[in-house]
Amino acid sequence: MLNEINNVTIIQWQNELMKIKDKNGKNYSPTYLRTIHAQLSSILNHACRYYNLKTNVARDVGSMGEKEADEMLFWTQDEYERFIEAIKDKPESFYAFELLYWCGLRIGELLALTQEKFDFKRHTLKIDESLQRIDGKNVITAPKTKKSIRTIVMPEFLTEEIKEYIDSFYKLKPKDLIFNFSKSYLHHEMDRGSKKSQVKRIRIHDLRHSHVSLLIELGFSATAIADRVGHESIDITYRYAHLFPSKQKEMAMSLTQVRNNTANDWKDLLEEDEKDV
């Protein structure tokens, strides 16, 4: 019963989860552990709000794991160019990684792409679905959040590449998936390309970080970047704050200028008053 769960129960549950290992001997990641705890806490919050549960013991005990991984890896454009050159012998891999890097897509969004999502005249790509693997079957679901539903404008060279790729299919229907492989295939290709190009191995999701870091380097605002990648602007500001150029000195100089101008204005007024006297 929910009302029988106490602080000790939560601590024991957390300890058991932190002990679990997969077939390779690895524990759950800190980020995943925190997500599991957040889901339980949400259930207990709901019970407190609507079913008179006295307290959310999951919240009282505190979370486990971490909100974000300790290190956010990404490739520079030069590293990416070396990688993509190394895997261009497999067209399906080449075009998939091009979309991941130049559009900042999530893996599920990439795998759910169909021909009808592209408007080659307008150079746009519509993101409104995601492919997930559930109980051994591919399931098309709504995107991660409402913000994730978006239209991305592609650079012209990418439009030409993807049109060439889609035109290579025989009798491709508008709703047919254009990438018929699994996430594990992409991980294998990442291994192969990293080794062949001798660039550091990053996660598939880190290509999304690489896209954001490139846009920051090009001078785009957090709001503009958030719209493109399907995030809230506050998330972009928080997660990538260390990459944005610092404005602190500019702010301090502006404040100094404002104060000096105000002080000078008052000085002029006082001098005029003294003359009048």
C-alpha atoms as a PDB file:
ATOM      1  CA  MET A   1       0.000   0.000   0.000  1.00  0.00           C
ATOM      2  CA  LEU A   2       1.245   3.504  -0.776  1.00  0.00           C
ATOM      3  CA  ASN A   3       0.614   4.708   2.761  1.00  0.00           C
ATOM      4  CA  GLU A   4       2.858   1.916   4.085  1.00  0.00           C
ATOM      5  CA  ILE A   5       5.917   3.127   2.154  1.00  0.00           C
ATOM      6  CA  ASN A   6       8.287   4.896   4.537  1.00  0.00           C
ATOM      7  CA  ASN A   7      11.736   6.497   4.376  1.00  0.00           C
ATOM      8  CA  VAL A   8      13.508   3.190   5.018  1.00  0.00           C
ATOM      9  CA  THR A   9      11.559   1.551   2.176  1.00  0.00           C
ATOM     10  CA  ILE A  10      12.725   4.242  -0.254  1.00  0.00           C
ATOM     11  CA  ILE A  11      16.364   3.986   0.851  1.00  0.00           C
ATOM     12  CA  GLN A  12      16.324   0.179   0.479  1.00  0.00           C
ATOM     13  CA  TRP A  13      14.719   0.531  -2.966  1.00  0.00           C
ATOM     14  CA  GLN A  14      17.375   3.032  -4.053  1.00  0.00           C
ATOM     15  CA  ASN A  15      20.184   0.785  -2.818  1.00  0.00           C
ATOM     16  CA  GLU A  16      18.824  -2.194  -4.743  1.00  0.00           C
ATOM     17  CA  LEU A  17      18.561  -0.156  -7.971  1.00  0.00           C
ATOM     18  CA  MET A  18      22.107   1.131  -7.589  1.00  0.00           C
ATOM     19  CA  LYS A  19      23.373  -2.468  -7.258  1.00  0.00           C
ATOM     20  CA  ILE A  20      21.780  -3.755 -10.479  1.00  0.00           C
ATOM     21  CA  LYS A  21      24.221  -4.562 -13.284  1.00  0.00           C
ATOM     22  CA  ASP A  22      23.618  -5.414 -16.934  1.00  0.00           C
ATOM     23  CA  LYS A  23      25.165  -8.337 -18.812  1.00  0.00           C
ATOM     24  CA  ASN A  24      28.365  -6.313 -19.259  1.00  0.00           C
ATOM     25  CA  GLY A  25      28.680  -5.647 -15.545  1.00  0.00           C
ATOM     26  CA  LYS A  26      27.684  -1.986 -15.764  1.00  0.00           C
ATOM     27  CA  ASN A  27      25.362  -0.203 -13.338  1.00  0.00           C
ATOM     28  CA  TYR A  28      22.487   2.046 -14.339  1.00  0.00           C
ATOM     29  CA  SER A  29      23.746   5.511 -15.274  1.00  0.00           C
ATOM     30  CA  PRO A  30      23.312   8.317 -12.703  1.00  0.00           C
ATOM     31  CA  THR A  31      20.968  10.120 -15.095  1.00  0.00           C
ATOM     32  CA  TYR A  32      18.749   7.032 -15.467  1.00  0.00           C
ATOM     33  CA  LEU A  33      18.640   6.460 -11.688  1.00  0.00           C
ATOM     34  CA  ARG A  34      17.496  10.039 -11.160  1.00  0.00           C
ATOM     35  CA  THR A  35      14.790   9.598 -13.819  1.00  0.00           C
ATOM     36  CA  ILE A  36      13.433   6.461 -12.106  1.00  0.00           C
ATOM     37  CA  HIS A  37      13.304   8.260  -8.751  1.00  0.00           C
ATOM     38  CA  ALA A  38      11.546  11.251 -10.325  1.00  0.00           C
ATOM     39  CA  GLN A  39       8.830   8.963 -11.713  1.00  0.00           C
ATOM     40  CA  LEU A  40       8.131   7.434  -8.293  1.00  0.00           C
ATOM     41  CA  SER A  41       8.102  10.884  -6.710  1.00  0.00           C
ATOM     42  CA  SER A  42       5.558  12.053  -9.311  1.00  0.00           C
ATOM     43  CA  ILE A  43       3.257   9.119  -8.471  1.00  0.00           C
ATOM     44  CA  LEU A  44       3.449   9.909  -4.749  1.00  0.00           C
ATOM     45  CA  ASN A  45       2.844  13.625  -5.425  1.00  0.00           C
ATOM     46  CA  HIS A  46      -0.307  12.664  -7.316  1.00  0.00           C
ATOM     47  CA  ALA A  47      -1.431  10.523  -4.362  1.00  0.00           C
ATOM     48  CA  CYS A  48      -0.786  13.421  -1.954  1.00  0.00           C
ATOM     49  CA  ARG A  49      -2.771  15.836  -4.081  1.00  0.00           C
ATOM     50  CA  TYR A  50      -5.811  13.692  -4.913  1.00  0.00           C
ATOM     51  CA  TYR A  51      -5.889  10.710  -2.536  1.00  0.00           C
ATOM     52  CA  ASN A  52      -4.923  12.208   0.832  1.00  0.00           C
ATOM     53  CA  LEU A  53      -1.529  10.554   1.138  1.00  0.00           C
ATOM     54  CA  LYS A  54       0.104  12.418   4.034  1.00  0.00           C
ATOM     55  CA  THR A  55       3.598  12.882   2.634  1.00  0.00           C
ATOM     56  CA  ASN A  56       5.793  12.134  -0.392  1.00  0.00           C
ATOM     57  CA  VAL A  57       8.509  10.038   1.238  1.00  0.00           C
ATOM     58  CA  ALA A  58      10.488   9.845  -2.040  1.00  0.00           C
ATOM     59  CA  ARG A  59      10.829  13.622  -1.932  1.00  0.00           C
ATOM     60  CA  ASP A  60      11.643  13.574   1.794  1.00  0.00           C
ATOM     61  CA  VAL A  61      14.484  11.079   1.347  1.00  0.00           C
ATOM     62  CA  GLY A  62      15.943  12.860  -1.682  1.00  0.00           C
ATOM     63  CA  SER A  63      16.872  11.716  -5.156  1.00  0.00           C
ATOM     64  CA  MET A  64      19.580   9.351  -6.290  1.00  0.00           C
ATOM     65  CA  GLY A  65      21.834   9.725  -9.295  1.00  0.00           C
ATOM     66  CA  GLU A  66      22.472  12.982 -11.120  1.00  0.00           C
ATOM     67  CA  LYS A  67      20.406  15.273 -13.304  1.00  0.00           C
ATOM     68  CA  GLU A  68      22.994  15.348 -16.069  1.00  0.00           C
ATOM     69  CA  ALA A  69      26.077  13.338 -16.863  1.00  0.00           C
ATOM     70  CA  ASP A  70      29.288  14.845 -15.498  1.00  0.00           C
ATOM     71  CA  GLU A  71      30.790  15.459 -18.911  1.00  0.00           C
ATOM     72  CA  MET A  72      29.147  16.742 -22.057  1.00  0.00           C
ATOM     73  CA  LEU A  73      31.167  15.638 -25.071  1.00  0.00           C
ATOM     74  CA  PHE A  74      30.910  17.092 -28.539  1.00  0.00           C
ATOM     75  CA  TRP A  75      32.808  17.219 -31.807  1.00  0.00           C
ATOM     76  CA  THR A  76      34.175  20.326 -33.457  1.00  0.00           C
ATOM     77  CA  GLN A  77      33.222  20.735 -37.093  1.00  0.00           C
ATOM     78  CA  ASP A  78      36.698  19.561 -38.103  1.00  0.00           C
ATOM     79  CA  GLU A  79      36.310  16.353 -36.070  1.00  0.00           C
ATOM     80  CA  TYR A  80      32.884  15.720 -37.558  1.00  0.00           C
ATOM     81  CA  GLU A  81      34.167  16.253 -41.115  1.00  0.00           C
ATOM     82  CA  ARG A  82      36.906  13.688 -40.512  1.00  0.00           C
ATOM     83  CA  PHE A  83      34.360  11.212 -39.119  1.00  0.00           C
ATOM     84  CA  ILE A  84      31.811  11.607 -41.925  1.00  0.00           C
ATOM     85  CA  GLU A  85      34.532  11.162 -44.547  1.00  0.00           C
ATOM     86  CA  ALA A  86      35.421   7.849 -42.907  1.00  0.00           C
ATOM     87  CA  ILE A  87      31.885   6.392 -43.078  1.00  0.00           C
ATOM     88  CA  LYS A  88      30.675   7.749 -46.424  1.00  0.00           C
ATOM     89  CA  ASP A  89      31.240   4.302 -47.971  1.00  0.00           C
ATOM     90  CA  LYS A  90      27.832   3.361 -46.518  1.00  0.00           C
ATOM     91  CA  PRO A  91      25.225   5.811 -47.913  1.00  0.00           C
ATOM     92  CA  GLU A  92      22.572   5.021 -45.286  1.00  0.00           C
ATOM     93  CA  SER A  93      25.048   5.802 -42.499  1.00  0.00           C
ATOM     94  CA  PHE A  94      26.339   8.921 -44.231  1.00  0.00           C
ATOM     95  CA  TYR A  95      22.901  10.529 -44.690  1.00  0.00           C
ATOM     96  CA  ALA A  96      21.756   9.570 -41.193  1.00  0.00           C
ATOM     97  CA  PHE A  97      24.756  11.185 -39.518  1.00  0.00           C
ATOM     98  CA  GLU A  98      24.440  14.251 -41.750  1.00  0.00           C
ATOM     99  CA  LEU A  99      20.905  14.809 -40.442  1.00  0.00           C
ATOM    100  CA  LEU A 100      21.927  14.151 -36.844  1.00  0.00           C
ATOM    101  CA  TYR A 101      24.802  16.628 -36.944  1.00  0.00           C
ATOM    102  CA  TRP A 102      23.449  19.425 -39.153  1.00  0.00           C
ATOM    103  CA  CYS A 103      19.889  19.397 -37.735  1.00  0.00           C
ATOM    104  CA  GLY A 104      20.497  18.336 -34.122  1.00  0.00           C
ATOM    105  CA  LEU A 105      17.936  15.520 -34.225  1.00  0.00           C
ATOM    106  CA  ARG A 106      17.302  12.971 -31.506  1.00  0.00           C
ATOM    107  CA  ILE A 107      17.828   9.335 -32.556  1.00  0.00           C
ATOM    108  CA  GLY A 108      14.118   8.514 -32.289  1.00  0.00           C
ATOM    109  CA  GLU A 109      13.247  11.530 -34.447  1.00  0.00           C
ATOM    110  CA  LEU A 110      15.744  10.405 -37.100  1.00  0.00           C
ATOM    111  CA  LEU A 111      14.444   6.842 -37.231  1.00  0.00           C
ATOM    112  CA  ALA A 112      10.820   8.034 -37.603  1.00  0.00           C
ATOM    113  CA  LEU A 113      11.560  10.103 -40.728  1.00  0.00           C
ATOM    114  CA  THR A 114       9.526   9.461 -43.864  1.00  0.00           C
ATOM    115  CA  GLN A 115       9.552  11.050 -47.303  1.00  0.00           C
ATOM    116  CA  GLU A 116       6.517  13.215 -46.522  1.00  0.00           C
ATOM    117  CA  LYS A 117       8.384  14.995 -43.714  1.00  0.00           C
ATOM    118  CA  PHE A 118      10.596  16.804 -46.235  1.00  0.00           C
ATOM    119  CA  ASP A 119       9.736  19.865 -48.314  1.00  0.00           C
ATOM    120  CA  PHE A 120      12.670  20.196 -50.684  1.00  0.00           C
ATOM    121  CA  LYS A 121      11.409  23.433 -52.236  1.00  0.00           C
ATOM    122  CA  ARG A 122      11.366  25.175 -48.881  1.00  0.00           C
ATOM    123  CA  HIS A 123      14.397  23.234 -47.546  1.00  0.00           C
ATOM    124  CA  THR A 124      12.381  22.171 -44.498  1.00  0.00           C
ATOM    125  CA  LEU A 125      12.053  19.066 -42.361  1.00  0.00           C
ATOM    126  CA  LYS A 126       9.013  18.530 -40.125  1.00  0.00           C
ATOM    127  CA  ILE A 127       9.567  16.768 -36.805  1.00  0.00           C
ATOM    128  CA  ASP A 128       6.332  15.478 -35.243  1.00  0.00           C
ATOM    129  CA  GLU A 129       7.026  11.796 -34.536  1.00  0.00           C
ATOM    130  CA  SER A 130       9.584   9.604 -32.811  1.00  0.00           C
ATOM    131  CA  LEU A 131      10.370   5.904 -33.179  1.00  0.00           C
ATOM    132  CA  GLN A 132      10.780   3.852 -30.008  1.00  0.00           C
ATOM    133  CA  ARG A 133      11.578   0.177 -29.506  1.00  0.00           C
ATOM    134  CA  ILE A 134       8.909  -1.251 -27.143  1.00  0.00           C
ATOM    135  CA  ASP A 135       8.660  -4.962 -26.309  1.00  0.00           C
ATOM    136  CA  GLY A 136      10.788  -5.835 -29.311  1.00  0.00           C
ATOM    137  CA  LYS A 137       8.654  -3.861 -31.767  1.00  0.00           C
ATOM    138  CA  ASN A 138       9.100  -0.491 -33.476  1.00  0.00           C
ATOM    139  CA  VAL A 139       6.443   1.943 -32.285  1.00  0.00           C
ATOM    140  CA  ILE A 140       5.891   5.437 -33.671  1.00  0.00           C
ATOM    141  CA  THR A 141       4.984   7.838 -30.872  1.00  0.00           C
ATOM    142  CA  ALA A 142       4.549  11.549 -30.373  1.00  0.00           C
ATOM    143  CA  PRO A 143       7.813  13.447 -29.764  1.00  0.00           C
ATOM    144  CA  LYS A 144       9.365  13.840 -26.340  1.00  0.00           C
ATOM    145  CA  THR A 145       7.615  17.152 -25.557  1.00  0.00           C
ATOM    146  CA  LYS A 146       5.262  19.614 -27.286  1.00  0.00           C
ATOM    147  CA  LYS A 147       8.294  21.822 -27.880  1.00  0.00           C
ATOM    148  CA  SER A 148       9.818  18.935 -29.836  1.00  0.00           C
ATOM    149  CA  ILE A 149       7.214  19.357 -32.589  1.00  0.00           C
ATOM    150  CA  ARG A 150       8.948  21.752 -34.945  1.00  0.00           C
ATOM    151  CA  THR A 151       9.973  22.545 -38.509  1.00  0.00           C
ATOM    152  CA  ILE A 152      13.705  22.696 -39.196  1.00  0.00           C
ATOM    153  CA  VAL A 153      15.164  24.635 -42.106  1.00  0.00           C
ATOM    154  CA  MET A 154      17.998  22.613 -43.627  1.00  0.00           C
ATOM    155  CA  PRO A 155      21.114  24.085 -45.227  1.00  0.00           C
ATOM    156  CA  GLU A 156      20.952  23.841 -49.031  1.00  0.00           C
ATOM    157  CA  PHE A 157      23.716  21.243 -49.318  1.00  0.00           C
ATOM    158  CA  LEU A 158      21.838  18.959 -46.904  1.00  0.00           C
ATOM    159  CA  THR A 159      18.592  19.386 -48.848  1.00  0.00           C
ATOM    160  CA  GLU A 160      20.392  18.252 -51.998  1.00  0.00           C
ATOM    161  CA  GLU A 161      21.971  15.287 -50.202  1.00  0.00           C
ATOM    162  CA  ILE A 162      18.715  14.008 -48.695  1.00  0.00           C
ATOM    163  CA  LYS A 163      16.811  14.485 -51.976  1.00  0.00           C
ATOM    164  CA  GLU A 164      19.484  12.440 -53.726  1.00  0.00           C
ATOM    165  CA  TYR A 165      19.172   9.753 -51.048  1.00  0.00           C
ATOM    166  CA  ILE A 166      15.358   9.568 -51.230  1.00  0.00           C
ATOM    167  CA  ASP A 167      15.411   9.539 -55.039  1.00  0.00           C
ATOM    168  CA  SER A 168      17.602   6.439 -54.891  1.00  0.00           C
ATOM    169  CA  PHE A 169      14.739   4.360 -53.425  1.00  0.00           C
ATOM    170  CA  TYR A 170      12.562   2.238 -55.689  1.00  0.00           C
ATOM    171  CA  LYS A 171       8.853   3.119 -55.355  1.00  0.00           C
ATOM    172  CA  LEU A 172       9.231   4.707 -51.913  1.00  0.00           C
ATOM    173  CA  LYS A 173       5.831   5.590 -50.465  1.00  0.00           C
ATOM    174  CA  PRO A 174       5.278   8.908 -48.614  1.00  0.00           C
ATOM    175  CA  LYS A 175       4.881   7.153 -45.242  1.00  0.00           C
ATOM    176  CA  ASP A 176       7.704   4.621 -45.665  1.00  0.00           C
ATOM    177  CA  LEU A 177      10.616   4.990 -43.243  1.00  0.00           C
ATOM    178  CA  ILE A 178      13.777   6.156 -44.985  1.00  0.00           C
ATOM    179  CA  PHE A 179      16.130   4.609 -42.410  1.00  0.00           C
ATOM    180  CA  ASN A 180      15.569   0.917 -41.792  1.00  0.00           C
ATOM    181  CA  PHE A 181      18.095   0.145 -39.120  1.00  0.00           C
ATOM    182  CA  SER A 182      18.253   0.058 -35.316  1.00  0.00           C
ATOM    183  CA  LYS A 183      19.956   2.302 -32.787  1.00  0.00           C
ATOM    184  CA  SER A 184      22.579  -0.420 -32.289  1.00  0.00           C
ATOM    185  CA  TYR A 185      23.534  -0.099 -35.969  1.00  0.00           C
ATOM    186  CA  LEU A 186      24.260   3.605 -35.451  1.00  0.00           C
ATOM    187  CA  HIS A 187      26.354   2.804 -32.376  1.00  0.00           C
ATOM    188  CA  HIS A 188      28.339   0.278 -34.430  1.00  0.00           C
ATOM    189  CA  GLU A 189      28.876   2.854 -37.170  1.00  0.00           C
ATOM    190  CA  MET A 190      29.974   5.408 -34.600  1.00  0.00           C
ATOM    191  CA  ASP A 191      32.559   2.904 -33.362  1.00  0.00           C
ATOM    192  CA  ARG A 192      33.725   2.172 -36.911  1.00  0.00           C
ATOM    193  CA  GLY A 193      33.934   5.798 -38.000  1.00  0.00           C
ATOM    194  CA  SER A 194      35.663   6.996 -34.835  1.00  0.00           C
ATOM    195  CA  LYS A 195      38.294   4.294 -35.100  1.00  0.00           C
ATOM    196  CA  LYS A 196      38.859   4.849 -38.820  1.00  0.00           C
ATOM    197  CA  SER A 197      39.058   8.659 -38.550  1.00  0.00           C
ATOM    198  CA  GLN A 198      40.893   8.596 -35.206  1.00  0.00           C
ATOM    199  CA  VAL A 199      38.571  11.138 -33.603  1.00  0.00           C
ATOM    200  CA  LYS A 200      37.395  10.641 -30.024  1.00  0.00           C
ATOM    201  CA  ARG A 201      34.375   8.393 -29.579  1.00  0.00           C
ATOM    202  CA  ILE A 202      31.292  10.266 -28.429  1.00  0.00           C
ATOM    203  CA  ARG A 203      27.710   9.117 -27.890  1.00  0.00           C
ATOM    204  CA  ILE A 204      25.143   9.397 -30.692  1.00  0.00           C
ATOM    205  CA  HIS A 205      23.244  11.942 -28.589  1.00  0.00           C
ATOM    206  CA  ASP A 206      26.427  14.021 -28.340  1.00  0.00           C
ATOM    207  CA  LEU A 207      25.983  14.884 -32.031  1.00  0.00           C
ATOM    208  CA  ARG A 208      23.036  16.949 -30.833  1.00  0.00           C
ATOM    209  CA  HIS A 209      25.334  18.700 -28.362  1.00  0.00           C
ATOM    210  CA  SER A 210      27.786  19.220 -31.220  1.00  0.00           C
ATOM    211  CA  HIS A 211      25.075  20.900 -33.302  1.00  0.00           C
ATOM    212  CA  VAL A 212      24.140  23.228 -30.430  1.00  0.00           C
ATOM    213  CA  SER A 213      27.775  24.117 -29.715  1.00  0.00           C
ATOM    214  CA  LEU A 214      28.304  24.953 -33.405  1.00  0.00           C
ATOM    215  CA  LEU A 215      25.263  27.266 -33.403  1.00  0.00           C
ATOM    216  CA  ILE A 216      26.525  28.982 -30.245  1.00  0.00           C
ATOM    217  CA  GLU A 217      29.919  29.468 -31.888  1.00  0.00           C
ATOM    218  CA  LEU A 218      28.150  31.037 -34.882  1.00  0.00           C
ATOM    219  CA  GLY A 219      26.550  33.576 -32.544  1.00  0.00           C
ATOM    220  CA  PHE A 220      22.915  32.461 -32.381  1.00  0.00           C
ATOM    221  CA  SER A 221      20.830  33.142 -29.263  1.00  0.00           C
ATOM    222  CA  ALA A 222      19.593  30.514 -26.815  1.00  0.00           C
ATOM    223  CA  THR A 223      16.004  31.191 -27.922  1.00  0.00           C
ATOM    224  CA  ALA A 224      16.764  30.633 -31.617  1.00  0.00           C
ATOM    225  CA  ILE A 225      18.742  27.465 -30.877  1.00  0.00           C
ATOM    226  CA  ALA A 226      15.996  26.120 -28.591  1.00  0.00           C
ATOM    227  CA  ASP A 227      13.396  26.529 -31.352  1.00  0.00           C
ATOM    228  CA  ARG A 228      15.580  24.586 -33.769  1.00  0.00           C
ATOM    229  CA  VAL A 229      16.381  21.628 -31.519  1.00  0.00           C
ATOM    230  CA  GLY A 230      13.057  21.407 -29.666  1.00  0.00           C
ATOM    231  CA  HIS A 231      14.144  22.563 -26.215  1.00  0.00           C
ATOM    232  CA  GLU A 232      13.083  25.301 -23.840  1.00  0.00           C
ATOM    233  CA  SER A 233      15.439  28.292 -24.083  1.00  0.00           C
ATOM    234  CA  ILE A 234      16.088  28.128 -20.338  1.00  0.00           C
ATOM    235  CA  ASP A 235      17.388  24.568 -20.800  1.00  0.00           C
ATOM    236  CA  ILE A 236      19.777  25.707 -23.519  1.00  0.00           C
ATOM    237  CA  THR A 237      20.997  28.575 -21.339  1.00  0.00           C
ATOM    238  CA  TYR A 238      21.502  26.303 -18.324  1.00  0.00           C
ATOM    239  CA  ARG A 239      23.059  23.281 -20.041  1.00  0.00           C
ATOM    240  CA  TYR A 240      25.344  25.181 -22.416  1.00  0.00           C
ATOM    241  CA  ALA A 241      26.067  28.289 -20.346  1.00  0.00           C
ATOM    242  CA  HIS A 242      29.795  27.559 -20.349  1.00  0.00           C
ATOM    243  CA  LEU A 243      29.863  27.755 -24.170  1.00  0.00           C
ATOM    244  CA  PHE A 244      28.164  31.128 -24.539  1.00  0.00           C
ATOM    245  CA  PRO A 245      30.586  34.084 -24.709  1.00  0.00           C
ATOM    246  CA  SER A 246      30.653  35.923 -21.411  1.00  0.00           C
ATOM    247  CA  LYS A 247      28.827  39.258 -21.332  1.00  0.00           C
ATOM    248  CA  GLN A 248      29.828  40.097 -17.772  1.00  0.00           C
ATOM    249  CA  LYS A 249      32.545  42.630 -18.694  1.00  0.00           C
ATOM    250  CA  GLU A 250      30.246  44.288 -21.228  1.00  0.00           C
ATOM    251  CA  MET A 251      27.529  44.565 -18.568  1.00  0.00           C
ATOM    252  CA  ALA A 252      29.929  46.060 -16.017  1.00  0.00           C
ATOM    253  CA  MET A 253      31.234  48.602 -18.542  1.00  0.00           C
ATOM    254  CA  SER A 254      27.687  49.603 -19.489  1.00  0.00           C
ATOM    255  CA  LEU A 255      26.699  50.032 -15.845  1.00  0.00           C
ATOM    256  CA  THR A 256      29.792  52.162 -15.256  1.00  0.00           C
ATOM    257  CA  GLN A 257      28.925  54.310 -18.265  1.00  0.00           C
ATOM    258  CA  VAL A 258      25.339  54.753 -17.060  1.00  0.00           C
ATOM    259  CA  ARG A 259      26.524  55.786 -13.603  1.00  0.00           C
ATOM    260  CA  ASN A 260      29.104  58.224 -15.008  1.00  0.00           C
ATOM    261  CA  ASN A 261      26.543  59.799 -17.307  1.00  0.00           C
ATOM    262  CA  THR A 262      24.086  60.218 -14.428  1.00  0.00           C
ATOM    263  CA  ALA A 263      26.780  61.677 -12.170  1.00  0.00           C
ATOM    264  CA  ASN A 264      27.812  64.153 -14.884  1.00  0.00           C
ATOM    265  CA  ASP A 265      24.197  65.191 -15.404  1.00  0.00           C
ATOM    266  CA  TRP A 266      23.813  65.930 -11.695  1.00  0.00           C
ATOM    267  CA  LYS A 267      27.124  67.815 -11.649  1.00  0.00           C
ATOM    268  CA  ASP A 268      25.978  70.017 -14.547  1.00  0.00           C
ATOM    269  CA  LEU A 269      22.672  70.748 -12.802  1.00  0.00           C
ATOM    270  CA  LEU A 270      24.430  71.707  -9.567  1.00  0.00           C
ATOM    271  CA  GLU A 271      26.819  74.021 -11.402  1.00  0.00           C
ATOM    272  CA  GLU A 272      23.890  75.726 -13.138  1.00  0.00           C
ATOM    273  CA  ASP A 273      22.128  76.162  -9.784  1.00  0.00           C
ATOM    274  CA  GLU A 274      25.246  77.728  -8.249  1.00  0.00           C
ATOM    275  CA  LYS A 275      25.453  80.208 -11.168  1.00  0.00           C
ATOM    276  CA  ASP A 276      21.812  81.153 -10.669  1.00  0.00           C
ATOM    277  CA  VAL A 277      22.453  81.808  -6.967  1.00  0.00           C
END
